[in-house]
Amino acid sequence: MDTVLEQLLEDAGGLPKEMQKEVLNFVRFLKSRVPVKQSRVKKKKPNGEKLIRLLQEASEKKLFSHIQDPAAWQRDLRRDRSLPGREV
C-alpha cells in the first residue's frame, strides 16, 4: 500500500507545471500553520560562544579605536534617522 506522500507525489507529478506550483504553495501554506512545537525543523539554540569569539576578534583588531567619545558617537548616529516620538 502506498503512503500518503507517495500518493501525493504520484498525483501531483501528473499535473501541469503551473498546477504543481499551486500544490507546492498549498503545502507551504499548510506547513506555516503547524505550531512550532510540532514542526520537524529543529531550530538552532542561541550560541554565545560565537558572539564571544567575534567580539574578541573585534577587540584584537581595535575596530572601534577611532571613537574618542562613545556617547557622542552614538548620538551622532542616532541623529541620522528619525525615531518615533523623537522628531526634533
N, C-alpha and C. Protein backbone atom coordinates (compact mmCIF):
# COMPACT_ATOMS: atom_id res chain seq x y z
N MET A 1 0.85 -1.19 0.00
CA MET A 1 0.00 0.00 0.00
C MET A 1 0.88 1.24 0.00
N ASP A 2 0.54 2.21 -0.85
CA ASP A 2 1.31 3.45 -0.94
C ASP A 2 1.10 4.33 0.28
N THR A 3 2.14 5.06 0.65
CA THR A 3 1.98 6.03 1.72
C THR A 3 1.31 7.27 1.16
N VAL A 4 0.87 8.12 2.03
CA VAL A 4 0.22 9.36 1.60
C VAL A 4 1.20 10.20 0.78
N LEU A 5 2.45 10.25 1.21
CA LEU A 5 3.46 11.03 0.49
C LEU A 5 3.67 10.48 -0.93
N GLU A 6 3.74 9.16 -1.05
CA GLU A 6 3.89 8.55 -2.37
C GLU A 6 2.70 8.87 -3.26
N GLN A 7 1.50 8.81 -2.69
CA GLN A 7 0.29 9.13 -3.45
C GLN A 7 0.30 10.60 -3.89
N LEU A 8 0.72 11.46 -2.99
CA LEU A 8 0.80 12.88 -3.30
C LEU A 8 1.78 13.14 -4.44
N LEU A 9 2.96 12.52 -4.36
CA LEU A 9 3.96 12.69 -5.41
C LEU A 9 3.46 12.17 -6.76
N GLU A 10 2.81 11.03 -6.72
CA GLU A 10 2.30 10.45 -7.96
C GLU A 10 1.21 11.32 -8.58
N ASP A 11 0.27 11.76 -7.74
CA ASP A 11 -0.83 12.57 -8.25
C ASP A 11 -0.35 13.94 -8.71
N ALA A 12 0.50 14.57 -7.91
CA ALA A 12 0.99 15.90 -8.28
C ALA A 12 1.91 15.82 -9.49
N GLY A 13 2.64 14.73 -9.62
CA GLY A 13 3.54 14.57 -10.76
C GLY A 13 2.82 14.52 -12.09
N GLY A 14 1.58 14.14 -12.08
CA GLY A 14 0.81 14.07 -13.31
C GLY A 14 0.15 15.38 -13.70
N LEU A 15 0.31 16.39 -12.87
CA LEU A 15 -0.30 17.69 -13.16
C LEU A 15 0.62 18.56 -14.01
N PRO A 16 0.05 19.54 -14.71
CA PRO A 16 0.90 20.51 -15.43
C PRO A 16 1.74 21.31 -14.43
N LYS A 17 2.87 21.87 -14.91
CA LYS A 17 3.81 22.59 -14.03
C LYS A 17 3.14 23.67 -13.19
N GLU A 18 2.27 24.46 -13.80
CA GLU A 18 1.61 25.54 -13.05
C GLU A 18 0.79 25.00 -11.90
N MET A 19 0.12 23.89 -12.12
CA MET A 19 -0.69 23.29 -11.05
C MET A 19 0.21 22.66 -9.99
N GLN A 20 1.36 22.12 -10.39
CA GLN A 20 2.33 21.60 -9.42
C GLN A 20 2.80 22.73 -8.50
N LYS A 21 3.00 23.91 -9.08
CA LYS A 21 3.40 25.07 -8.27
C LYS A 21 2.31 25.42 -7.26
N GLU A 22 1.05 25.32 -7.66
CA GLU A 22 -0.05 25.58 -6.74
C GLU A 22 -0.06 24.57 -5.60
N VAL A 23 0.20 23.31 -5.92
CA VAL A 23 0.27 22.27 -4.88
C VAL A 23 1.39 22.61 -3.90
N LEU A 24 2.54 22.99 -4.43
CA LEU A 24 3.68 23.35 -3.58
C LEU A 24 3.33 24.54 -2.69
N ASN A 25 2.71 25.55 -3.25
CA ASN A 25 2.32 26.72 -2.45
C ASN A 25 1.33 26.32 -1.36
N PHE A 26 0.41 25.42 -1.66
CA PHE A 26 -0.55 24.98 -0.66
C PHE A 26 0.14 24.20 0.46
N VAL A 27 1.08 23.34 0.09
CA VAL A 27 1.82 22.58 1.11
C VAL A 27 2.59 23.55 2.02
N ARG A 28 3.22 24.55 1.42
CA ARG A 28 3.95 25.54 2.23
C ARG A 28 3.01 26.31 3.14
N PHE A 29 1.82 26.63 2.64
CA PHE A 29 0.81 27.31 3.46
C PHE A 29 0.44 26.43 4.66
N LEU A 30 0.20 25.15 4.40
CA LEU A 30 -0.16 24.24 5.49
C LEU A 30 0.97 24.13 6.50
N LYS A 31 2.22 24.06 6.01
CA LYS A 31 3.37 23.98 6.93
C LYS A 31 3.47 25.22 7.80
N SER A 32 3.09 26.37 7.27
CA SER A 32 3.17 27.61 8.05
C SER A 32 2.16 27.62 9.19
N ARG A 33 1.13 26.80 9.09
CA ARG A 33 0.09 26.73 10.11
C ARG A 33 0.41 25.73 11.21
N VAL A 34 1.45 24.91 11.02
CA VAL A 34 1.82 23.92 12.03
C VAL A 34 2.52 24.64 13.17
N PRO A 35 2.07 24.44 14.41
CA PRO A 35 2.74 25.08 15.54
C PRO A 35 4.23 24.70 15.57
N VAL A 36 5.03 25.61 16.07
CA VAL A 36 6.48 25.41 16.09
C VAL A 36 6.85 24.13 16.82
N LYS A 37 6.15 23.79 17.90
CA LYS A 37 6.45 22.58 18.65
C LYS A 37 6.35 21.33 17.78
N GLN A 38 5.35 21.31 16.91
CA GLN A 38 5.10 20.12 16.11
C GLN A 38 5.94 20.08 14.84
N SER A 39 6.56 21.19 14.52
CA SER A 39 7.36 21.24 13.30
C SER A 39 8.58 20.34 13.44
N ARG A 40 8.96 19.69 12.34
CA ARG A 40 10.12 18.81 12.37
C ARG A 40 11.43 19.59 12.26
N VAL A 41 11.32 20.84 11.86
CA VAL A 41 12.53 21.64 11.69
C VAL A 41 13.08 21.99 13.06
N LYS A 42 14.32 21.63 13.29
CA LYS A 42 14.95 21.93 14.56
C LYS A 42 15.63 23.29 14.45
N LYS A 43 15.27 24.17 15.34
CA LYS A 43 15.89 25.49 15.34
C LYS A 43 17.15 25.43 16.19
N LYS A 44 18.15 26.14 15.71
CA LYS A 44 19.40 26.18 16.45
C LYS A 44 19.21 26.98 17.73
N LYS A 45 19.80 26.49 18.79
CA LYS A 45 19.75 27.22 20.04
C LYS A 45 20.78 28.33 19.98
N PRO A 46 20.51 29.43 20.66
CA PRO A 46 21.48 30.52 20.66
C PRO A 46 22.84 30.02 21.15
N ASN A 47 23.87 30.45 20.48
CA ASN A 47 25.22 30.03 20.83
C ASN A 47 26.05 31.26 21.15
N GLY A 48 26.25 31.51 22.43
CA GLY A 48 27.00 32.68 22.86
C GLY A 48 28.48 32.58 22.56
N GLU A 49 28.97 31.36 22.33
CA GLU A 49 30.41 31.20 22.07
C GLU A 49 30.83 31.91 20.79
N LYS A 50 30.00 31.86 19.77
CA LYS A 50 30.33 32.51 18.50
C LYS A 50 30.38 34.03 18.70
N LEU A 51 29.42 34.57 19.44
CA LEU A 51 29.41 36.01 19.70
C LEU A 51 30.64 36.43 20.48
N ILE A 52 31.02 35.63 21.47
CA ILE A 52 32.21 35.94 22.26
C ILE A 52 33.45 35.96 21.37
N ARG A 53 33.55 34.97 20.48
CA ARG A 53 34.70 34.91 19.57
C ARG A 53 34.75 36.13 18.66
N LEU A 54 33.60 36.52 18.12
CA LEU A 54 33.55 37.68 17.23
C LEU A 54 33.91 38.97 17.96
N LEU A 55 33.42 39.11 19.18
CA LEU A 55 33.76 40.30 19.97
C LEU A 55 35.24 40.33 20.31
N GLN A 56 35.82 39.18 20.61
CA GLN A 56 37.26 39.12 20.88
C GLN A 56 38.07 39.51 19.66
N GLU A 57 37.65 39.02 18.48
CA GLU A 57 38.34 39.38 17.24
C GLU A 57 38.25 40.88 16.98
N ALA A 58 37.08 41.46 17.23
CA ALA A 58 36.91 42.90 17.04
C ALA A 58 37.81 43.68 18.00
N SER A 59 37.92 43.17 19.22
CA SER A 59 38.78 43.83 20.20
C SER A 59 40.25 43.75 19.78
N GLU A 60 40.67 42.58 19.31
CA GLU A 60 42.06 42.42 18.88
C GLU A 60 42.40 43.31 17.69
N LYS A 61 41.43 43.51 16.80
CA LYS A 61 41.66 44.34 15.62
C LYS A 61 41.48 45.83 15.91
N LYS A 62 41.01 46.12 17.13
CA LYS A 62 40.77 47.50 17.57
C LYS A 62 39.88 48.24 16.56
N LEU A 63 38.77 47.61 16.24
CA LEU A 63 37.86 48.15 15.23
C LEU A 63 37.27 49.51 15.60
N PHE A 64 37.10 49.75 16.86
CA PHE A 64 36.44 50.99 17.28
C PHE A 64 37.40 51.94 17.99
N SER A 65 38.68 51.78 17.78
CA SER A 65 39.67 52.61 18.47
C SER A 65 39.62 54.07 18.04
N HIS A 66 39.04 54.34 16.87
CA HIS A 66 38.96 55.71 16.37
C HIS A 66 37.89 56.53 17.09
N ILE A 67 37.04 55.89 17.87
CA ILE A 67 35.96 56.59 18.57
C ILE A 67 36.49 57.13 19.89
N GLN A 68 36.57 58.46 19.96
CA GLN A 68 37.09 59.10 21.17
C GLN A 68 36.04 59.18 22.28
N ASP A 69 34.82 59.58 21.91
CA ASP A 69 33.73 59.73 22.87
C ASP A 69 32.56 58.86 22.42
N PRO A 70 32.41 57.66 22.98
CA PRO A 70 31.36 56.73 22.53
C PRO A 70 29.95 57.32 22.63
N ALA A 71 29.67 58.11 23.67
CA ALA A 71 28.33 58.68 23.82
C ALA A 71 28.05 59.68 22.70
N ALA A 72 29.02 60.51 22.37
CA ALA A 72 28.85 61.49 21.28
C ALA A 72 28.71 60.76 19.95
N TRP A 73 29.47 59.71 19.76
CA TRP A 73 29.41 58.91 18.53
C TRP A 73 28.02 58.31 18.36
N GLN A 74 27.47 57.80 19.47
CA GLN A 74 26.14 57.19 19.43
C GLN A 74 25.07 58.25 19.14
N ARG A 75 25.18 59.42 19.77
CA ARG A 75 24.22 60.50 19.50
C ARG A 75 24.27 60.90 18.04
N ASP A 76 25.47 60.97 17.49
CA ASP A 76 25.64 61.35 16.09
C ASP A 76 24.98 60.33 15.17
N LEU A 77 25.13 59.05 15.47
CA LEU A 77 24.50 58.00 14.66
C LEU A 77 22.98 58.11 14.71
N ARG A 78 22.46 58.38 15.87
CA ARG A 78 21.00 58.45 16.03
C ARG A 78 20.43 59.69 15.36
N ARG A 79 21.22 60.71 15.22
CA ARG A 79 20.76 61.94 14.60
C ARG A 79 20.46 61.72 13.12
N ASP A 80 21.08 60.70 12.52
CA ASP A 80 20.90 60.42 11.09
C ASP A 80 19.53 59.86 10.75
N ARG A 81 18.79 59.38 11.73
CA ARG A 81 17.48 58.79 11.44
C ARG A 81 16.46 59.29 12.45
N SER A 82 15.25 59.40 11.99
CA SER A 82 14.19 59.84 12.90
C SER A 82 13.64 58.63 13.64
N LEU A 83 13.36 58.85 14.89
CA LEU A 83 12.80 57.79 15.72
C LEU A 83 11.37 58.18 16.10
N PRO A 84 10.47 57.23 16.17
CA PRO A 84 9.09 57.55 16.52
C PRO A 84 9.01 58.27 17.86
N GLY A 85 8.31 59.40 17.87
CA GLY A 85 8.16 60.16 19.11
C GLY A 85 9.36 61.01 19.44
N ARG A 86 10.37 61.06 18.57
CA ARG A 86 11.58 61.86 18.84
C ARG A 86 11.92 62.77 17.67
N GLU A 87 10.88 63.25 17.00
CA GLU A 87 11.13 64.17 15.90
C GLU A 87 11.65 65.47 16.45
N VAL A 88 12.83 65.84 16.09
CA VAL A 88 13.44 67.08 16.60
C VAL A 88 13.73 68.00 15.46
